Amino acid sequence: MPHLKPAQILIHGGGYEGGNKEFYPLCIANAKYFTERGFVSFAIDYRLHKDNGNYPDWESYGLGEWIPRINTAYPAIRDAKAAIRWVKAHASEFGISVDNIVINGGSAGATSCIAIGVVNEDDYKNEFTVQEDSTLSSTNLEQTSNVRSIISHWGAEYGVNFTETHDSKNRWSKNITPIVMYQGDADTTIPIHHGEFV
């Protein structure tokens, strides 16, 4: 049996307003570094604010201190979860171990990573049926979006807050995916307290 490789999925930042998978420091440089060390790397794009993705009718109370709202974050996080399922569905083609996938994001990308590691499998997936949103039909719904670990570069907990605001159910537990946090105490966009939620 061939040796299966670990994989990483890189998620760029940009406040869910801009950016793309060509972002050099996080996506290209990281992909090169880890690929040279035996990983299979994927840098992904996701829907941005201008793309007008579907989102549920949830309240986004008290989340005005930073750019993302549910209408921008929901499609992006849903796309990132779909990317994980795609990688798993195609794991044999790339020689990937589905049990050894890490997601690595910066800023909005890190916020998506944190949400993916904390929320339930059905969150950012089952709020719409395939009949209500046909884009779901091509997102490998038979796969899970769980990952082995998360690397967060100055992320925030907003993606978790959205789900908890919706149904008042706590998503935090000792069973969440392990998260490595990088947060700066001079960051004025995402203050350091957003990295102190665990």
N, C-alpha and C. Protein backbone atom coordinates (compact mmCIF):
# COMPACT_ATOMS: atom_id res chain seq x y z
N MET A 1 0.85 -1.19 0.00
CA MET A 1 0.00 0.00 0.00
C MET A 1 0.89 1.25 0.00
N PRO A 2 0.63 2.21 -0.88
CA PRO A 2 1.47 3.40 -0.95
C PRO A 2 1.32 4.27 0.30
N HIS A 3 2.38 4.99 0.61
CA HIS A 3 2.36 5.92 1.75
C HIS A 3 1.43 7.10 1.42
N LEU A 4 0.48 7.38 2.30
CA LEU A 4 -0.44 8.49 2.08
C LEU A 4 0.13 9.76 2.71
N LYS A 5 -0.05 10.86 2.01
CA LYS A 5 0.53 12.13 2.44
C LYS A 5 -0.47 12.97 3.23
N PRO A 6 0.03 13.80 4.15
CA PRO A 6 -0.85 14.80 4.78
C PRO A 6 -1.16 15.90 3.78
N ALA A 7 -2.22 16.63 4.04
CA ALA A 7 -2.62 17.73 3.15
C ALA A 7 -2.91 18.97 3.96
N GLN A 8 -2.73 20.12 3.32
CA GLN A 8 -3.16 21.37 3.93
C GLN A 8 -3.99 22.14 2.93
N ILE A 9 -5.00 22.83 3.46
CA ILE A 9 -5.86 23.68 2.65
C ILE A 9 -5.65 25.11 3.15
N LEU A 10 -5.23 25.99 2.25
CA LEU A 10 -4.88 27.36 2.59
C LEU A 10 -6.02 28.30 2.21
N ILE A 11 -6.44 29.14 3.19
CA ILE A 11 -7.60 30.01 3.00
C ILE A 11 -7.17 31.46 3.20
N HIS A 12 -7.19 32.24 2.14
CA HIS A 12 -6.70 33.62 2.17
C HIS A 12 -7.60 34.53 2.98
N GLY A 13 -7.05 35.68 3.36
CA GLY A 13 -7.82 36.70 4.06
C GLY A 13 -8.34 37.76 3.10
N GLY A 14 -8.83 38.86 3.69
CA GLY A 14 -9.38 39.96 2.89
C GLY A 14 -10.70 40.47 3.41
N GLY A 15 -11.03 40.15 4.66
CA GLY A 15 -12.27 40.65 5.25
C GLY A 15 -13.52 40.15 4.56
N TYR A 16 -13.43 39.04 3.83
CA TYR A 16 -14.52 38.50 3.01
C TYR A 16 -14.96 39.48 1.93
N GLU A 17 -14.15 40.51 1.72
CA GLU A 17 -14.45 41.52 0.71
C GLU A 17 -13.53 41.39 -0.52
N GLY A 18 -12.32 40.87 -0.32
CA GLY A 18 -11.36 40.79 -1.41
C GLY A 18 -10.36 39.67 -1.16
N GLY A 19 -9.28 39.68 -1.95
CA GLY A 19 -8.26 38.66 -1.82
C GLY A 19 -8.53 37.46 -2.72
N ASN A 20 -7.50 36.62 -2.87
CA ASN A 20 -7.66 35.40 -3.66
C ASN A 20 -6.56 34.42 -3.30
N LYS A 21 -6.61 33.25 -3.89
CA LYS A 21 -5.70 32.17 -3.55
C LYS A 21 -4.27 32.41 -4.02
N GLU A 22 -4.04 33.50 -4.76
CA GLU A 22 -2.69 33.83 -5.21
C GLU A 22 -1.94 34.67 -4.17
N PHE A 23 -2.56 34.94 -3.02
CA PHE A 23 -1.91 35.76 -1.99
C PHE A 23 -0.60 35.10 -1.58
N TYR A 24 0.51 35.80 -1.81
CA TYR A 24 1.81 35.13 -1.71
C TYR A 24 2.19 34.68 -0.30
N PRO A 25 2.23 35.57 0.69
CA PRO A 25 2.80 35.13 1.97
C PRO A 25 2.10 33.91 2.57
N LEU A 26 0.77 33.91 2.54
CA LEU A 26 0.06 32.79 3.15
C LEU A 26 -0.08 31.62 2.18
N CYS A 27 -0.63 31.86 1.03
CA CYS A 27 -0.99 30.76 0.13
C CYS A 27 0.19 30.21 -0.66
N ILE A 28 0.84 31.02 -1.43
CA ILE A 28 1.89 30.52 -2.33
C ILE A 28 3.13 30.09 -1.54
N ALA A 29 3.61 30.95 -0.65
CA ALA A 29 4.83 30.62 0.10
C ALA A 29 4.60 29.41 1.00
N ASN A 30 3.46 29.36 1.69
CA ASN A 30 3.16 28.22 2.55
C ASN A 30 3.02 26.93 1.74
N ALA A 31 2.34 27.02 0.61
CA ALA A 31 2.17 25.83 -0.23
C ALA A 31 3.53 25.29 -0.66
N LYS A 32 4.40 26.18 -1.09
CA LYS A 32 5.74 25.77 -1.51
C LYS A 32 6.52 25.13 -0.36
N TYR A 33 6.50 25.78 0.79
CA TYR A 33 7.26 25.30 1.95
C TYR A 33 6.81 23.90 2.37
N PHE A 34 5.51 23.73 2.52
CA PHE A 34 5.01 22.45 3.03
C PHE A 34 5.02 21.35 1.97
N THR A 35 4.82 21.72 0.71
CA THR A 35 4.87 20.73 -0.35
C THR A 35 6.27 20.13 -0.45
N GLU A 36 7.28 20.98 -0.27
CA GLU A 36 8.66 20.49 -0.28
C GLU A 36 8.95 19.54 0.88
N ARG A 37 8.07 19.52 1.87
CA ARG A 37 8.25 18.68 3.05
C ARG A 37 7.23 17.55 3.11
N GLY A 38 6.62 17.24 1.98
CA GLY A 38 5.79 16.05 1.90
C GLY A 38 4.30 16.24 1.97
N PHE A 39 3.83 17.47 2.11
CA PHE A 39 2.39 17.74 2.13
C PHE A 39 1.87 17.90 0.70
N VAL A 40 0.58 17.67 0.54
CA VAL A 40 -0.13 18.08 -0.66
C VAL A 40 -0.88 19.36 -0.27
N SER A 41 -0.67 20.44 -0.99
CA SER A 41 -1.23 21.74 -0.62
C SER A 41 -2.27 22.21 -1.63
N PHE A 42 -3.33 22.79 -1.09
CA PHE A 42 -4.41 23.36 -1.91
C PHE A 42 -4.67 24.78 -1.41
N ALA A 43 -4.57 25.76 -2.28
CA ALA A 43 -4.99 27.13 -1.96
C ALA A 43 -6.34 27.35 -2.63
N ILE A 44 -7.31 27.84 -1.88
CA ILE A 44 -8.67 27.92 -2.41
C ILE A 44 -9.15 29.36 -2.54
N ASP A 45 -10.08 29.56 -3.45
CA ASP A 45 -10.88 30.77 -3.51
C ASP A 45 -12.24 30.46 -2.89
N TYR A 46 -12.97 31.49 -2.54
CA TYR A 46 -14.32 31.33 -2.00
C TYR A 46 -15.12 32.57 -2.38
N ARG A 47 -16.43 32.47 -2.24
CA ARG A 47 -17.27 33.61 -2.61
C ARG A 47 -17.02 34.80 -1.69
N LEU A 48 -16.91 35.96 -2.28
CA LEU A 48 -16.72 37.20 -1.55
C LEU A 48 -18.03 37.97 -1.49
N HIS A 49 -18.00 39.09 -0.79
CA HIS A 49 -19.21 39.90 -0.61
C HIS A 49 -19.88 40.23 -1.94
N LYS A 50 -19.09 40.59 -2.94
CA LYS A 50 -19.65 41.00 -4.23
C LYS A 50 -20.31 39.85 -4.99
N ASP A 51 -20.04 38.60 -4.56
CA ASP A 51 -20.56 37.45 -5.29
C ASP A 51 -21.99 37.10 -4.91
N ASN A 52 -22.51 37.72 -3.86
CA ASN A 52 -23.94 37.57 -3.50
C ASN A 52 -24.35 36.12 -3.28
N GLY A 53 -23.58 35.38 -2.49
CA GLY A 53 -23.97 34.01 -2.17
C GLY A 53 -25.19 33.95 -1.27
N ASN A 54 -25.91 32.84 -1.31
CA ASN A 54 -27.06 32.67 -0.43
C ASN A 54 -26.62 32.60 1.03
N TYR A 55 -27.46 33.10 1.89
CA TYR A 55 -27.20 32.99 3.33
C TYR A 55 -28.54 32.94 4.06
N PRO A 56 -28.56 32.28 5.22
CA PRO A 56 -29.83 32.16 5.96
C PRO A 56 -30.22 33.48 6.60
N ASP A 57 -31.46 33.59 6.98
CA ASP A 57 -31.99 34.80 7.57
C ASP A 57 -31.69 34.79 9.07
N TRP A 58 -30.43 34.93 9.41
CA TRP A 58 -30.00 34.96 10.81
C TRP A 58 -29.74 36.40 11.22
N GLU A 59 -29.92 36.69 12.49
CA GLU A 59 -29.57 38.00 13.01
C GLU A 59 -28.06 38.07 13.23
N SER A 60 -27.46 39.20 12.92
CA SER A 60 -26.03 39.37 13.15
C SER A 60 -25.82 40.45 14.22
N TYR A 61 -26.49 40.25 15.35
CA TYR A 61 -26.46 41.23 16.42
C TYR A 61 -25.05 41.42 16.99
N GLY A 62 -24.74 42.63 17.40
CA GLY A 62 -23.54 42.89 18.16
C GLY A 62 -22.23 42.52 17.50
N LEU A 63 -22.21 42.35 16.19
CA LEU A 63 -20.98 41.93 15.52
C LEU A 63 -20.45 43.05 14.63
N GLY A 64 -20.75 44.28 14.99
CA GLY A 64 -20.39 45.40 14.14
C GLY A 64 -18.98 45.91 14.29
N GLU A 65 -18.18 45.32 15.19
CA GLU A 65 -16.83 45.84 15.40
C GLU A 65 -15.86 45.41 14.32
N TRP A 66 -16.29 44.50 13.44
CA TRP A 66 -15.40 44.04 12.37
C TRP A 66 -16.22 43.93 11.09
N ILE A 67 -15.58 43.85 9.95
CA ILE A 67 -16.27 43.93 8.65
C ILE A 67 -17.31 42.83 8.44
N PRO A 68 -16.98 41.54 8.68
CA PRO A 68 -17.89 40.49 8.24
C PRO A 68 -19.28 40.54 8.87
N ARG A 69 -20.26 40.27 8.09
CA ARG A 69 -21.63 40.03 8.54
C ARG A 69 -22.01 38.66 7.99
N ILE A 70 -23.16 38.20 8.37
CA ILE A 70 -23.57 36.87 7.95
C ILE A 70 -23.66 36.77 6.43
N ASN A 71 -24.03 37.84 5.76
CA ASN A 71 -24.18 37.77 4.29
C ASN A 71 -22.84 37.62 3.58
N THR A 72 -21.74 37.98 4.23
CA THR A 72 -20.43 37.80 3.62
C THR A 72 -19.73 36.54 4.15
N ALA A 73 -19.85 36.29 5.44
CA ALA A 73 -19.13 35.17 6.04
C ALA A 73 -19.77 33.82 5.71
N TYR A 74 -21.09 33.75 5.69
CA TYR A 74 -21.74 32.45 5.49
C TYR A 74 -21.34 31.78 4.18
N PRO A 75 -21.45 32.45 3.02
CA PRO A 75 -21.05 31.77 1.77
C PRO A 75 -19.58 31.37 1.77
N ALA A 76 -18.72 32.21 2.36
CA ALA A 76 -17.29 31.92 2.37
C ALA A 76 -16.99 30.68 3.21
N ILE A 77 -17.56 30.61 4.40
CA ILE A 77 -17.32 29.45 5.27
C ILE A 77 -17.93 28.20 4.65
N ARG A 78 -19.09 28.34 4.05
CA ARG A 78 -19.70 27.19 3.39
C ARG A 78 -18.82 26.69 2.25
N ASP A 79 -18.23 27.60 1.50
CA ASP A 79 -17.35 27.21 0.40
C ASP A 79 -16.09 26.52 0.92
N ALA A 80 -15.55 27.02 2.03
CA ALA A 80 -14.36 26.40 2.61
C ALA A 80 -14.65 24.97 3.08
N LYS A 81 -15.81 24.78 3.69
CA LYS A 81 -16.19 23.42 4.09
C LYS A 81 -16.36 22.53 2.86
N ALA A 82 -16.93 23.07 1.81
CA ALA A 82 -17.09 22.30 0.56
C ALA A 82 -15.73 21.93 -0.02
N ALA A 83 -14.75 22.83 0.10
CA ALA A 83 -13.41 22.54 -0.41
C ALA A 83 -12.78 21.36 0.33
N ILE A 84 -12.99 21.30 1.64
CA ILE A 84 -12.49 20.16 2.42
C ILE A 84 -13.14 18.87 1.94
N ARG A 85 -14.44 18.90 1.72
CA ARG A 85 -15.14 17.71 1.24
C ARG A 85 -14.63 17.31 -0.15
N TRP A 86 -14.32 18.30 -0.99
CA TRP A 86 -13.78 18.01 -2.33
C TRP A 86 -12.43 17.30 -2.21
N VAL A 87 -11.57 17.82 -1.36
CA VAL A 87 -10.26 17.19 -1.17
C VAL A 87 -10.43 15.75 -0.71
N LYS A 88 -11.34 15.52 0.21
CA LYS A 88 -11.56 14.14 0.69
C LYS A 88 -12.11 13.25 -0.42
N ALA A 89 -13.01 13.80 -1.21
CA ALA A 89 -13.60 13.00 -2.29
C ALA A 89 -12.57 12.63 -3.34
N HIS A 90 -11.51 13.42 -3.47
CA HIS A 90 -10.46 13.19 -4.48
C HIS A 90 -9.14 12.75 -3.84
N ALA A 91 -9.20 12.31 -2.60
CA ALA A 91 -7.98 11.98 -1.87
C ALA A 91 -7.15 10.91 -2.56
N SER A 92 -7.80 9.91 -3.13
CA SER A 92 -7.04 8.82 -3.76
C SER A 92 -6.26 9.32 -4.97
N GLU A 93 -6.78 10.32 -5.67
CA GLU A 93 -6.08 10.85 -6.84
C GLU A 93 -4.77 11.54 -6.46
N PHE A 94 -4.72 12.11 -5.26
CA PHE A 94 -3.55 12.85 -4.82
C PHE A 94 -2.71 12.10 -3.79
N GLY A 95 -3.14 10.89 -3.43
CA GLY A 95 -2.41 10.11 -2.44
C GLY A 95 -2.47 10.71 -1.05
N ILE A 96 -3.64 11.26 -0.69
CA ILE A 96 -3.81 11.99 0.57
C ILE A 96 -4.43 11.09 1.64
N SER A 97 -3.96 11.25 2.87
CA SER A 97 -4.61 10.65 4.03
C SER A 97 -5.74 11.57 4.49
N VAL A 98 -6.98 11.11 4.40
CA VAL A 98 -8.10 11.96 4.79
C VAL A 98 -8.13 12.24 6.29
N ASP A 99 -7.36 11.48 7.05
CA ASP A 99 -7.29 11.69 8.50
C ASP A 99 -6.20 12.69 8.87
N ASN A 100 -5.49 13.20 7.90
CA ASN A 100 -4.38 14.12 8.18
C ASN A 100 -4.44 15.34 7.28
N ILE A 101 -5.55 16.07 7.42
CA ILE A 101 -5.75 17.31 6.68
C ILE A 101 -5.76 18.47 7.67
N VAL A 102 -4.96 19.49 7.39
CA VAL A 102 -4.93 20.69 8.21
C VAL A 102 -5.43 21.86 7.38
N ILE A 103 -6.14 22.78 8.01
CA ILE A 103 -6.55 24.01 7.32
C ILE A 103 -5.78 25.17 7.93
N ASN A 104 -5.36 26.09 7.08
CA ASN A 104 -4.45 27.15 7.47
C ASN A 104 -4.95 28.44 6.85
N GLY A 105 -5.31 29.42 7.68
CA GLY A 105 -5.89 30.63 7.14
C GLY A 105 -5.37 31.89 7.80
N GLY A 106 -5.54 33.00 7.10
CA GLY A 106 -5.17 34.30 7.62
C GLY A 106 -6.35 35.25 7.63
N SER A 107 -6.56 35.95 8.76
CA SER A 107 -7.59 36.96 8.89
C SER A 107 -8.98 36.36 8.63
N ALA A 108 -9.69 36.79 7.59
CA ALA A 108 -10.99 36.18 7.30
C ALA A 108 -10.85 34.68 7.04
N GLY A 109 -9.77 34.28 6.39
CA GLY A 109 -9.53 32.86 6.16
C GLY A 109 -9.36 32.10 7.46
N ALA A 110 -8.68 32.72 8.42
CA ALA A 110 -8.51 32.10 9.74
C ALA A 110 -9.84 32.05 10.49
N THR A 111 -10.65 33.08 10.31
CA THR A 111 -11.98 33.09 10.92
C THR A 111 -12.81 31.92 10.38
N SER A 112 -12.70 31.66 9.10
CA SER A 112 -13.37 30.50 8.51
C SER A 112 -12.82 29.21 9.10
N CYS A 113 -11.50 29.13 9.24
CA CYS A 113 -10.87 27.93 9.81
C CYS A 113 -11.40 27.65 11.21
N ILE A 114 -11.46 28.69 12.06
CA ILE A 114 -11.95 28.52 13.42
C ILE A 114 -13.39 28.02 13.41
N ALA A 115 -14.22 28.62 12.57
CA ALA A 115 -15.61 28.17 12.48
C ALA A 115 -15.68 26.71 12.09
N ILE A 116 -14.91 26.31 11.10
CA ILE A 116 -14.95 24.93 10.62
C ILE A 116 -14.56 23.96 11.73
N GLY A 117 -13.59 24.34 12.55
CA GLY A 117 -13.13 23.45 13.60
C GLY A 117 -14.01 23.38 14.82
N VAL A 118 -14.96 24.33 14.94
CA VAL A 118 -15.77 24.41 16.15
C VAL A 118 -17.24 24.05 15.90
N VAL A 119 -17.81 24.50 14.80
CA VAL A 119 -19.25 24.31 14.58
C VAL A 119 -19.56 22.85 14.24
N ASN A 120 -20.85 22.55 14.23
CA ASN A 120 -21.29 21.20 13.91
C ASN A 120 -21.15 20.91 12.42
N GLU A 121 -21.14 19.63 12.08
CA GLU A 121 -21.01 19.23 10.68
C GLU A 121 -22.12 19.82 9.82
N ASP A 122 -23.33 19.91 10.35
CA ASP A 122 -24.46 20.41 9.57
C ASP A 122 -24.44 21.93 9.40
N ASP A 123 -23.72 22.63 10.27
CA ASP A 123 -23.65 24.09 10.16
C ASP A 123 -22.93 24.49 8.87
N TYR A 124 -23.40 25.57 8.26
CA TYR A 124 -22.84 26.04 6.99
C TYR A 124 -22.96 24.98 5.89
N LYS A 125 -23.96 24.15 6.01
CA LYS A 125 -24.19 23.12 5.00
C LYS A 125 -25.67 22.82 4.83
N ASN A 126 -26.34 22.54 5.93
CA ASN A 126 -27.73 22.07 5.84
C ASN A 126 -28.78 23.15 6.09
N GLU A 127 -28.38 24.40 6.12
CA GLU A 127 -29.37 25.47 6.28
C GLU A 127 -30.26 25.58 5.04
N PHE A 128 -29.72 25.13 3.89
CA PHE A 128 -30.49 25.09 2.65
C PHE A 128 -30.54 23.66 2.15
N THR A 129 -31.61 23.30 1.50
CA THR A 129 -31.67 22.01 0.82
C THR A 129 -31.10 22.17 -0.59
N VAL A 130 -30.82 21.05 -1.23
CA VAL A 130 -30.34 21.09 -2.60
C VAL A 130 -31.38 21.73 -3.51
N GLN A 131 -32.65 21.53 -3.18
CA GLN A 131 -33.73 22.13 -3.98
C GLN A 131 -33.73 23.65 -3.83
N GLU A 132 -33.40 24.14 -2.63
CA GLU A 132 -33.37 25.58 -2.39
C GLU A 132 -32.11 26.24 -2.96
N ASP A 133 -31.03 25.47 -2.99
CA ASP A 133 -29.76 26.00 -3.51
C ASP A 133 -29.06 24.89 -4.28
N SER A 134 -29.18 24.91 -5.57
CA SER A 134 -28.66 23.82 -6.40
C SER A 134 -27.14 23.73 -6.37
N THR A 135 -26.44 24.78 -5.92
CA THR A 135 -24.98 24.71 -5.88
C THR A 135 -24.50 23.64 -4.90
N LEU A 136 -25.33 23.27 -3.96
CA LEU A 136 -24.95 22.23 -3.00
C LEU A 136 -24.76 20.87 -3.66
N SER A 137 -25.41 20.63 -4.77
CA SER A 137 -25.40 19.30 -5.39
C SER A 137 -24.03 18.87 -5.85
N SER A 138 -23.13 19.82 -6.04
CA SER A 138 -21.79 19.48 -6.53
C SER A 138 -20.73 19.58 -5.44
N THR A 139 -21.15 19.57 -4.16
CA THR A 139 -20.19 19.82 -3.07
C THR A 139 -19.89 18.59 -2.24
N ASN A 140 -20.06 17.39 -2.81
CA ASN A 140 -19.65 16.15 -2.13
C ASN A 140 -20.24 16.03 -0.72
N LEU A 141 -21.55 16.15 -0.65
CA LEU A 141 -22.23 16.16 0.64
C LEU A 141 -22.07 14.86 1.41
N GLU A 142 -21.65 13.80 0.74
CA GLU A 142 -21.46 12.52 1.43
C GLU A 142 -20.18 12.51 2.27
N GLN A 143 -19.30 13.49 2.05
CA GLN A 143 -18.07 13.59 2.82
C GLN A 143 -18.27 14.50 4.04
N THR A 144 -17.36 14.39 5.02
CA THR A 144 -17.39 15.30 6.16
C THR A 144 -16.36 16.41 5.94
N SER A 145 -16.49 17.47 6.72
CA SER A 145 -15.54 18.58 6.63
C SER A 145 -14.66 18.66 7.87
N ASN A 146 -14.62 17.59 8.65
CA ASN A 146 -13.73 17.62 9.82
C ASN A 146 -12.28 17.53 9.37
N VAL A 147 -11.40 18.17 10.13
CA VAL A 147 -9.97 18.18 9.82
C VAL A 147 -9.17 17.82 11.06
N ARG A 148 -7.88 17.53 10.86
CA ARG A 148 -7.02 17.10 11.95
C ARG A 148 -6.62 18.26 12.86
N SER A 149 -6.32 19.42 12.25
CA SER A 149 -5.90 20.58 13.03
C SER A 149 -6.08 21.86 12.23
N ILE A 150 -5.93 22.99 12.93
CA ILE A 150 -6.15 24.31 12.35
C ILE A 150 -4.98 25.20 12.71
N ILE A 151 -4.53 25.99 11.73
CA ILE A 151 -3.57 27.06 11.99
C ILE A 151 -4.28 28.38 11.68
N SER A 152 -4.39 29.22 12.70
CA SER A 152 -5.10 30.49 12.56
C SER A 152 -4.12 31.64 12.71
N HIS A 153 -4.02 32.45 11.66
CA HIS A 153 -3.23 33.68 11.71
C HIS A 153 -4.20 34.84 11.88
N TRP A 154 -4.29 35.34 13.11
CA TRP A 154 -5.15 36.46 13.50
C TRP A 154 -6.59 36.30 13.04
N GLY A 155 -7.18 35.16 13.42
CA GLY A 155 -8.60 34.92 13.14
C GLY A 155 -9.48 35.37 14.29
N ALA A 156 -10.77 35.25 14.09
CA ALA A 156 -11.76 35.63 15.10
C ALA A 156 -12.85 34.56 15.18
N GLU A 157 -13.69 34.70 16.19
CA GLU A 157 -14.70 33.68 16.47
C GLU A 157 -16.06 33.99 15.86
N TYR A 158 -16.14 34.96 14.96
CA TYR A 158 -17.42 35.39 14.41
C TYR A 158 -18.20 34.25 13.76
N GLY A 159 -17.53 33.38 13.03
CA GLY A 159 -18.25 32.30 12.35
C GLY A 159 -18.94 31.36 13.30
N VAL A 160 -18.38 31.20 14.50
CA VAL A 160 -19.04 30.41 15.54
C VAL A 160 -20.19 31.20 16.13
N ASN A 161 -19.98 32.49 16.36
CA ASN A 161 -21.03 33.33 16.93
C ASN A 161 -22.30 33.34 16.09
N PHE A 162 -22.13 33.36 14.77
CA PHE A 162 -23.30 33.38 13.89
C PHE A 162 -24.21 32.19 14.16
N THR A 163 -23.61 30.99 14.28
CA THR A 163 -24.43 29.79 14.49
C THR A 163 -25.07 29.80 15.86
N GLU A 164 -24.32 30.25 16.86
CA GLU A 164 -24.87 30.26 18.22
C GLU A 164 -25.95 31.31 18.38
N THR A 165 -25.82 32.41 17.66
CA THR A 165 -26.87 33.43 17.66
C THR A 165 -28.16 32.87 17.08
N HIS A 166 -28.01 32.03 16.07
CA HIS A 166 -29.17 31.47 15.38
C HIS A 166 -29.97 30.53 16.28
N ASP A 167 -29.30 29.58 16.94
CA ASP A 167 -30.07 28.57 17.68
C ASP A 167 -29.77 28.52 19.17
N SER A 168 -28.92 29.42 19.67
CA SER A 168 -28.58 29.52 21.10
C SER A 168 -27.94 28.26 21.66
N LYS A 169 -27.33 27.45 20.81
CA LYS A 169 -26.66 26.23 21.26
C LYS A 169 -25.15 26.42 21.24
N ASN A 170 -24.50 26.09 22.34
CA ASN A 170 -23.06 26.25 22.46
C ASN A 170 -22.32 25.29 21.52
N ARG A 171 -21.35 25.80 20.78
CA ARG A 171 -20.54 24.96 19.90
C ARG A 171 -19.18 24.62 20.50
N TRP A 172 -18.79 25.32 21.56
CA TRP A 172 -17.47 25.11 22.14
C TRP A 172 -17.47 23.90 23.08
N SER A 173 -16.47 23.06 22.95
CA SER A 173 -16.34 21.90 23.84
C SER A 173 -14.89 21.44 23.82
N LYS A 174 -14.57 20.49 24.67
CA LYS A 174 -13.20 19.95 24.70
C LYS A 174 -12.90 19.12 23.46
N ASN A 175 -13.92 18.87 22.64
CA ASN A 175 -13.74 18.03 21.45
C ASN A 175 -13.52 18.83 20.17
N ILE A 176 -13.39 20.14 20.28
CA ILE A 176 -13.17 20.92 19.06
C ILE A 176 -11.80 20.57 18.47
N THR A 177 -11.64 20.85 17.20
CA THR A 177 -10.38 20.59 16.51
C THR A 177 -9.27 21.43 17.14
N PRO A 178 -8.08 20.85 17.38
CA PRO A 178 -6.97 21.64 17.93
C PRO A 178 -6.63 22.82 17.03
N ILE A 179 -6.40 23.98 17.66
CA ILE A 179 -6.13 25.21 16.94
C ILE A 179 -4.80 25.80 17.41
N VAL A 180 -3.91 26.10 16.47
CA VAL A 180 -2.71 26.86 16.75
C VAL A 180 -3.02 28.31 16.38
N MET A 181 -2.92 29.20 17.38
CA MET A 181 -3.30 30.60 17.17
C MET A 181 -2.08 31.50 17.09
N TYR A 182 -2.06 32.37 16.09
CA TYR A 182 -1.08 33.45 16.01
C TYR A 182 -1.86 34.75 16.04
N GLN A 183 -1.63 35.57 17.08
CA GLN A 183 -2.39 36.79 17.25
C GLN A 183 -1.45 37.89 17.74
N GLY A 184 -1.59 39.11 17.23
CA GLY A 184 -0.71 40.20 17.63
C GLY A 184 -1.39 41.16 18.58
N ASP A 185 -0.64 41.65 19.57
CA ASP A 185 -1.24 42.56 20.54
C ASP A 185 -1.32 44.00 20.04
N ALA A 186 -0.81 44.27 18.83
CA ALA A 186 -0.91 45.61 18.25
C ALA A 186 -1.83 45.63 17.03
N ASP A 187 -2.56 44.55 16.81
CA ASP A 187 -3.46 44.44 15.65
C ASP A 187 -4.71 45.27 15.91
N THR A 188 -4.95 46.27 15.08
CA THR A 188 -6.13 47.12 15.26
C THR A 188 -7.33 46.66 14.46
N THR A 189 -7.12 45.69 13.56
CA THR A 189 -8.24 45.16 12.77
C THR A 189 -8.91 44.01 13.50
N ILE A 190 -8.12 43.07 13.99
CA ILE A 190 -8.65 41.95 14.77
C ILE A 190 -7.90 41.95 16.10
N PRO A 191 -8.41 42.64 17.12
CA PRO A 191 -7.72 42.75 18.40
C PRO A 191 -7.42 41.38 19.01
N ILE A 192 -6.41 41.35 19.86
CA ILE A 192 -5.90 40.10 20.38
C ILE A 192 -6.93 39.30 21.18
N HIS A 193 -7.94 39.98 21.75
CA HIS A 193 -8.92 39.22 22.55
C HIS A 193 -9.70 38.22 21.69
N HIS A 194 -9.68 38.38 20.36
CA HIS A 194 -10.34 37.40 19.51
C HIS A 194 -9.57 36.09 19.44
N GLY A 195 -8.35 36.09 19.93
CA GLY A 195 -7.57 34.86 20.01
C GLY A 195 -7.56 34.25 21.39
N GLU A 196 -8.41 34.77 22.27
CA GLU A 196 -8.43 34.32 23.67
C GLU A 196 -9.76 33.70 24.04
N PHE A 197 -10.37 33.00 23.09
CA PHE A 197 -11.72 32.47 23.33
C PHE A 197 -11.70 31.03 23.84
N VAL A 198 -10.52 30.41 23.94
CA VAL A 198 -10.47 29.02 24.38
C VAL A 198 -9.85 28.92 25.75
